[in-house]
Amino acid sequence: MLQLDILSGKKAGTQLVARRFPFRLGRSPQCEVVLDDRGVWDLHAEFGMHSGEGIVLSAAPQAFVAVNGKKAQQVRLRNGDFIEAGSVKLRFSLSATTQRGLRLRETATWLALAALCLGQVALIYWLTS
Protein backbone atom coordinates (compact mmCIF):
# COMPACT_ATOMS: atom_id res chain seq x y z
CA MET A 1 0.00 0.00 0.00
CA LEU A 2 2.56 2.60 1.11
CA GLN A 3 6.15 2.32 -0.05
CA LEU A 4 9.10 4.36 1.21
CA ASP A 5 12.41 4.36 -0.63
CA ILE A 6 15.21 5.65 1.60
CA LEU A 7 17.42 7.78 -0.63
CA SER A 8 20.04 9.05 1.87
CA GLY A 9 21.35 8.25 5.34
CA LYS A 10 22.59 5.06 6.95
CA LYS A 11 19.82 2.93 5.39
CA ALA A 12 20.04 4.40 1.87
CA GLY A 13 18.79 2.01 -0.77
CA THR A 14 16.29 0.34 1.55
CA GLN A 15 12.70 -0.06 0.42
CA LEU A 16 9.93 -0.36 3.03
CA VAL A 17 6.28 -1.29 2.52
CA ALA A 18 3.56 -0.45 5.05
CA ARG A 19 0.24 -2.24 5.00
CA ARG A 20 -1.14 -1.05 8.36
CA PHE A 21 -1.74 2.44 9.68
CA PRO A 22 -0.66 4.42 11.62
CA PHE A 23 2.90 3.93 10.41
CA ARG A 24 5.56 5.72 12.50
CA LEU A 25 9.02 6.93 11.58
CA GLY A 26 11.73 7.81 14.14
CA ARG A 27 14.61 6.63 16.33
CA SER A 28 12.48 4.72 18.83
CA PRO A 29 12.38 0.89 18.55
CA GLN A 30 8.56 1.16 18.71
CA CYS A 31 8.53 2.88 15.29
CA GLU A 32 7.93 0.82 12.17
CA VAL A 33 10.78 2.67 10.42
CA VAL A 34 13.76 3.09 12.75
CA LEU A 35 16.23 5.69 11.48
CA ASP A 36 19.35 6.46 13.48
CA ASP A 37 20.49 9.55 11.57
CA ARG A 38 21.18 13.16 12.50
CA GLY A 39 18.09 15.25 13.11
CA VAL A 40 15.70 12.31 13.52
CA TRP A 41 13.64 12.39 16.73
CA ASP A 42 12.33 9.39 18.72
CA LEU A 43 8.90 9.82 17.12
CA HIS A 44 9.59 12.04 14.14
CA ALA A 45 6.55 11.56 11.92
CA GLU A 46 3.47 9.42 11.48
CA PHE A 47 1.73 8.28 8.32
CA GLY A 48 -2.01 7.87 8.70
CA MET A 49 -4.93 6.96 6.47
CA HIS A 50 -7.71 9.56 6.63
CA SER A 51 -11.01 8.90 4.91
CA GLY A 52 -11.59 11.32 2.07
CA GLU A 53 -8.03 12.65 2.20
CA GLY A 54 -5.84 9.62 1.58
CA ILE A 55 -2.46 9.17 3.26
CA VAL A 56 -1.48 12.06 5.52
CA LEU A 57 1.97 12.70 6.99
CA SER A 58 1.95 14.33 10.44
CA ALA A 59 5.23 15.61 11.91
CA ALA A 60 6.07 15.81 15.60
CA PRO A 61 5.79 19.41 16.92
CA GLN A 62 9.53 20.29 16.88
CA ALA A 63 10.64 17.80 14.21
CA PHE A 64 11.82 19.01 10.80
CA VAL A 65 9.83 17.48 7.96
CA ALA A 66 9.75 18.82 4.42
CA VAL A 67 7.72 17.49 1.51
CA ASN A 68 9.01 18.37 -1.95
CA GLY A 69 11.31 21.00 -0.39
CA LYS A 70 8.59 22.80 1.61
CA LYS A 71 8.44 22.52 5.40
CA ALA A 72 5.27 20.77 6.52
CA GLN A 73 3.55 19.94 9.80
CA GLN A 74 0.67 17.94 8.30
CA VAL A 75 0.31 17.23 4.60
CA ARG A 76 -1.55 14.89 2.27
CA LEU A 77 0.94 12.82 0.30
CA ARG A 78 0.85 12.11 -3.41
CA ASN A 79 2.58 9.37 -5.35
CA GLY A 80 6.21 10.36 -5.96
CA ASP A 81 6.54 12.97 -3.19
CA PHE A 82 10.01 13.48 -1.70
CA ILE A 83 10.17 13.65 2.10
CA GLU A 84 13.00 15.02 4.25
CA ALA A 85 13.00 13.91 7.90
CA GLY A 86 15.99 15.38 9.68
CA SER A 87 18.97 14.56 7.44
CA VAL A 88 17.24 11.59 5.75
CA LYS A 89 15.60 11.84 2.34
CA LEU A 90 12.83 9.45 1.33
CA ARG A 91 10.52 8.98 -1.65
CA PHE A 92 6.88 8.16 -1.02
CA SER A 93 5.00 6.01 -3.51
CA LEU A 94 2.13 3.58 -3.67
CA SER A 95 3.31 -0.01 -3.64
CA ALA A 96 2.53 -2.44 -6.43
CA THR A 97 -0.77 -4.25 -6.13
CA THR A 98 -1.37 -7.92 -6.64
CA GLN A 99 -4.33 -9.18 -8.58
CA ARG A 100 -6.37 -12.03 -7.18
CA GLY A 101 -6.94 -15.02 -9.38
CA LEU A 102 -10.24 -14.99 -11.23
CA ARG A 103 -10.04 -18.50 -12.67
CA LEU A 104 -12.90 -19.87 -10.50
CA ARG A 105 -15.27 -17.02 -11.41
CA GLU A 106 -14.41 -17.29 -15.08
CA THR A 107 -14.99 -21.07 -15.08
CA ALA A 108 -18.35 -20.65 -13.31
CA THR A 109 -19.41 -18.00 -15.85
CA TRP A 110 -18.57 -20.23 -18.83
CA LEU A 111 -20.39 -23.20 -17.25
CA ALA A 112 -23.46 -21.03 -16.65
CA LEU A 113 -23.40 -19.83 -20.29
CA ALA A 114 -23.06 -23.43 -21.53
CA ALA A 115 -26.02 -24.53 -19.36
CA LEU A 116 -28.09 -21.62 -20.68
CA CYS A 117 -27.32 -22.54 -24.30
CA LEU A 118 -28.14 -26.21 -23.70
CA GLY A 119 -31.39 -25.17 -22.03
CA GLN A 120 -32.34 -23.06 -25.05
CA VAL A 121 -31.55 -25.90 -27.46
CA ALA A 122 -33.65 -28.31 -25.36
CA LEU A 123 -36.53 -25.79 -25.26
CA ILE A 124 -36.43 -25.31 -29.06
CA TYR A 125 -36.37 -29.09 -29.58
CA TRP A 126 -39.32 -29.58 -27.21
CA LEU A 127 -41.36 -26.79 -28.88
CA THR A 128 -40.77 -28.13 -32.41
CA SER A 129 -41.60 -31.73 -31.58
C-alpha atoms as a PDB file:
ATOM      1  CA  MET A   1       0.000   0.000   0.000  1.00  0.00           C
ATOM      2  CA  LEU A   2       2.560   2.603   1.106  1.00  0.00           C
ATOM      3  CA  GLN A   3       6.148   2.324  -0.048  1.00  0.00           C
ATOM      4  CA  LEU A   4       9.095   4.362   1.212  1.00  0.00           C
ATOM      5  CA  ASP A   5      12.410   4.362  -0.630  1.00  0.00           C
ATOM      6  CA  ILE A   6      15.208   5.647   1.600  1.00  0.00           C
ATOM      7  CA  LEU A   7      17.423   7.778  -0.627  1.00  0.00           C
ATOM      8  CA  SER A   8      20.035   9.046   1.873  1.00  0.00           C
ATOM      9  CA  GLY A   9      21.353   8.251   5.337  1.00  0.00           C
ATOM     10  CA  LYS A  10      22.589   5.056   6.949  1.00  0.00           C
ATOM     11  CA  LYS A  11      19.817   2.928   5.391  1.00  0.00           C
ATOM     12  CA  ALA A  12      20.045   4.403   1.870  1.00  0.00           C
ATOM     13  CA  GLY A  13      18.785   2.010  -0.773  1.00  0.00           C
ATOM     14  CA  THR A  14      16.291   0.337   1.553  1.00  0.00           C
ATOM     15  CA  GLN A  15      12.700  -0.058   0.423  1.00  0.00           C
ATOM     16  CA  LEU A  16       9.929  -0.364   3.028  1.00  0.00           C
ATOM     17  CA  VAL A  17       6.283  -1.287   2.519  1.00  0.00           C
ATOM     18  CA  ALA A  18       3.563  -0.452   5.052  1.00  0.00           C
ATOM     19  CA  ARG A  19       0.237  -2.238   5.001  1.00  0.00           C
ATOM     20  CA  ARG A  20      -1.143  -1.051   8.364  1.00  0.00           C
ATOM     21  CA  PHE A  21      -1.735   2.439   9.685  1.00  0.00           C
ATOM     22  CA  PRO A  22      -0.657   4.420  11.623  1.00  0.00           C
ATOM     23  CA  PHE A  23       2.899   3.932  10.406  1.00  0.00           C
ATOM     24  CA  ARG A  24       5.557   5.717  12.496  1.00  0.00           C
ATOM     25  CA  LEU A  25       9.025   6.926  11.585  1.00  0.00           C
ATOM     26  CA  GLY A  26      11.730   7.814  14.135  1.00  0.00           C
ATOM     27  CA  ARG A  27      14.606   6.631  16.333  1.00  0.00           C
ATOM     28  CA  SER A  28      12.476   4.719  18.828  1.00  0.00           C
ATOM     29  CA  PRO A  29      12.377   0.892  18.548  1.00  0.00           C
ATOM     30  CA  GLN A  30       8.558   1.157  18.710  1.00  0.00           C
ATOM     31  CA  CYS A  31       8.528   2.883  15.287  1.00  0.00           C
ATOM     32  CA  GLU A  32       7.926   0.821  12.173  1.00  0.00           C
ATOM     33  CA  VAL A  33      10.785   2.668  10.416  1.00  0.00           C
ATOM     34  CA  VAL A  34      13.756   3.092  12.746  1.00  0.00           C
ATOM     35  CA  LEU A  35      16.227   5.689  11.477  1.00  0.00           C
ATOM     36  CA  ASP A  36      19.355   6.462  13.481  1.00  0.00           C
ATOM     37  CA  ASP A  37      20.487   9.545  11.568  1.00  0.00           C
ATOM     38  CA  ARG A  38      21.183  13.162  12.501  1.00  0.00           C
ATOM     39  CA  GLY A  39      18.093  15.249  13.105  1.00  0.00           C
ATOM     40  CA  VAL A  40      15.700  12.310  13.515  1.00  0.00           C
ATOM     41  CA  TRP A  41      13.640  12.385  16.728  1.00  0.00           C
ATOM     42  CA  ASP A  42      12.332   9.393  18.717  1.00  0.00           C
ATOM     43  CA  LEU A  43       8.900   9.819  17.120  1.00  0.00           C
ATOM     44  CA  HIS A  44       9.595  12.040  14.143  1.00  0.00           C
ATOM     45  CA  ALA A  45       6.546  11.563  11.918  1.00  0.00           C
ATOM     46  CA  GLU A  46       3.467   9.423  11.484  1.00  0.00           C
ATOM     47  CA  PHE A  47       1.734   8.284   8.321  1.00  0.00           C
ATOM     48  CA  GLY A  48      -2.009   7.871   8.696  1.00  0.00           C
ATOM     49  CA  MET A  49      -4.933   6.956   6.468  1.00  0.00           C
ATOM     50  CA  HIS A  50      -7.705   9.559   6.633  1.00  0.00           C
ATOM     51  CA  SER A  51     -11.009   8.903   4.907  1.00  0.00           C
ATOM     52  CA  GLY A  52     -11.590  11.321   2.066  1.00  0.00           C
ATOM     53  CA  GLU A  53      -8.027  12.650   2.203  1.00  0.00           C
ATOM     54  CA  GLY A  54      -5.845   9.618   1.585  1.00  0.00           C
ATOM     55  CA  ILE A  55      -2.457   9.167   3.258  1.00  0.00           C
ATOM     56  CA  VAL A  56      -1.482  12.058   5.522  1.00  0.00           C
ATOM     57  CA  LEU A  57       1.967  12.702   6.991  1.00  0.00           C
ATOM     58  CA  SER A  58       1.951  14.330  10.443  1.00  0.00           C
ATOM     59  CA  ALA A  59       5.227  15.615  11.906  1.00  0.00           C
ATOM     60  CA  ALA A  60       6.069  15.806  15.604  1.00  0.00           C
ATOM     61  CA  PRO A  61       5.789  19.408  16.917  1.00  0.00           C
ATOM     62  CA  GLN A  62       9.530  20.290  16.881  1.00  0.00           C
ATOM     63  CA  ALA A  63      10.643  17.796  14.214  1.00  0.00           C
ATOM     64  CA  PHE A  64      11.819  19.005  10.804  1.00  0.00           C
ATOM     65  CA  VAL A  65       9.826  17.483   7.957  1.00  0.00           C
ATOM     66  CA  ALA A  66       9.749  18.819   4.417  1.00  0.00           C
ATOM     67  CA  VAL A  67       7.720  17.487   1.510  1.00  0.00           C
ATOM     68  CA  ASN A  68       9.008  18.374  -1.954  1.00  0.00           C
ATOM     69  CA  GLY A  69      11.311  21.001  -0.394  1.00  0.00           C
ATOM     70  CA  LYS A  70       8.586  22.796   1.613  1.00  0.00           C
ATOM     71  CA  LYS A  71       8.437  22.524   5.401  1.00  0.00           C
ATOM     72  CA  ALA A  72       5.267  20.769   6.515  1.00  0.00           C
ATOM     73  CA  GLN A  73       3.547  19.935   9.795  1.00  0.00           C
ATOM     74  CA  GLN A  74       0.674  17.943   8.299  1.00  0.00           C
ATOM     75  CA  VAL A  75       0.312  17.230   4.598  1.00  0.00           C
ATOM     76  CA  ARG A  76      -1.547  14.892   2.266  1.00  0.00           C
ATOM     77  CA  LEU A  77       0.938  12.817   0.301  1.00  0.00           C
ATOM     78  CA  ARG A  78       0.851  12.114  -3.409  1.00  0.00           C
ATOM     79  CA  ASN A  79       2.576   9.368  -5.345  1.00  0.00           C
ATOM     80  CA  GLY A  80       6.212  10.357  -5.960  1.00  0.00           C
ATOM     81  CA  ASP A  81       6.542  12.968  -3.188  1.00  0.00           C
ATOM     82  CA  PHE A  82      10.007  13.480  -1.699  1.00  0.00           C
ATOM     83  CA  ILE A  83      10.174  13.652   2.101  1.00  0.00           C
ATOM     84  CA  GLU A  84      12.997  15.022   4.251  1.00  0.00           C
ATOM     85  CA  ALA A  85      13.001  13.911   7.897  1.00  0.00           C
ATOM     86  CA  GLY A  86      15.992  15.383   9.681  1.00  0.00           C
ATOM     87  CA  SER A  87      18.968  14.558   7.443  1.00  0.00           C
ATOM     88  CA  VAL A  88      17.239  11.595   5.747  1.00  0.00           C
ATOM     89  CA  LYS A  89      15.600  11.840   2.337  1.00  0.00           C
ATOM     90  CA  LEU A  90      12.828   9.449   1.332  1.00  0.00           C
ATOM     91  CA  ARG A  91      10.522   8.978  -1.650  1.00  0.00           C
ATOM     92  CA  PHE A  92       6.875   8.156  -1.025  1.00  0.00           C
ATOM     93  CA  SER A  93       5.002   6.006  -3.512  1.00  0.00           C
ATOM     94  CA  LEU A  94       2.131   3.576  -3.667  1.00  0.00           C
ATOM     95  CA  SER A  95       3.307  -0.013  -3.643  1.00  0.00           C
ATOM     96  CA  ALA A  96       2.532  -2.436  -6.426  1.00  0.00           C
ATOM     97  CA  THR A  97      -0.767  -4.249  -6.129  1.00  0.00           C
ATOM     98  CA  THR A  98      -1.367  -7.925  -6.641  1.00  0.00           C
ATOM     99  CA  GLN A  99      -4.334  -9.184  -8.584  1.00  0.00           C
ATOM    100  CA  ARG A 100      -6.368 -12.027  -7.175  1.00  0.00           C
ATOM    101  CA  GLY A 101      -6.936 -15.018  -9.381  1.00  0.00           C
ATOM    102  CA  LEU A 102     -10.240 -14.995 -11.226  1.00  0.00           C
ATOM    103  CA  ARG A 103     -10.038 -18.505 -12.673  1.00  0.00           C
ATOM    104  CA  LEU A 104     -12.901 -19.875 -10.497  1.00  0.00           C
ATOM    105  CA  ARG A 105     -15.270 -17.024 -11.408  1.00  0.00           C
ATOM    106  CA  GLU A 106     -14.409 -17.289 -15.081  1.00  0.00           C
ATOM    107  CA  THR A 107     -14.993 -21.070 -15.080  1.00  0.00           C
ATOM    108  CA  ALA A 108     -18.345 -20.651 -13.312  1.00  0.00           C
ATOM    109  CA  THR A 109     -19.411 -18.000 -15.848  1.00  0.00           C
ATOM    110  CA  TRP A 110     -18.566 -20.234 -18.828  1.00  0.00           C
ATOM    111  CA  LEU A 111     -20.389 -23.200 -17.250  1.00  0.00           C
ATOM    112  CA  ALA A 112     -23.462 -21.028 -16.654  1.00  0.00           C
ATOM    113  CA  LEU A 113     -23.400 -19.833 -20.289  1.00  0.00           C
ATOM    114  CA  ALA A 114     -23.065 -23.431 -21.529  1.00  0.00           C
ATOM    115  CA  ALA A 115     -26.021 -24.532 -19.361  1.00  0.00           C
ATOM    116  CA  LEU A 116     -28.090 -21.619 -20.683  1.00  0.00           C
ATOM    117  CA  CYS A 117     -27.315 -22.539 -24.300  1.00  0.00           C
ATOM    118  CA  LEU A 118     -28.141 -26.213 -23.700  1.00  0.00           C
ATOM    119  CA  GLY A 119     -31.388 -25.171 -22.033  1.00  0.00           C
ATOM    120  CA  GLN A 120     -32.343 -23.056 -25.054  1.00  0.00           C
ATOM    121  CA  VAL A 121     -31.550 -25.901 -27.460  1.00  0.00           C
ATOM    122  CA  ALA A 122     -33.651 -28.306 -25.359  1.00  0.00           C
ATOM    123  CA  LEU A 123     -36.528 -25.792 -25.257  1.00  0.00           C
ATOM    124  CA  ILE A 124     -36.433 -25.305 -29.055  1.00  0.00           C
ATOM    125  CA  TYR A 125     -36.367 -29.091 -29.582  1.00  0.00           C
ATOM    126  CA  TRP A 126     -39.316 -29.575 -27.208  1.00  0.00           C
ATOM    127  CA  LEU A 127     -41.357 -26.790 -28.881  1.00  0.00           C
ATOM    128  CA  THR A 128     -40.773 -28.133 -32.411  1.00  0.00           C
ATOM    129  CA  SER A 129     -41.601 -31.732 -31.581  1.00  0.00           C
END
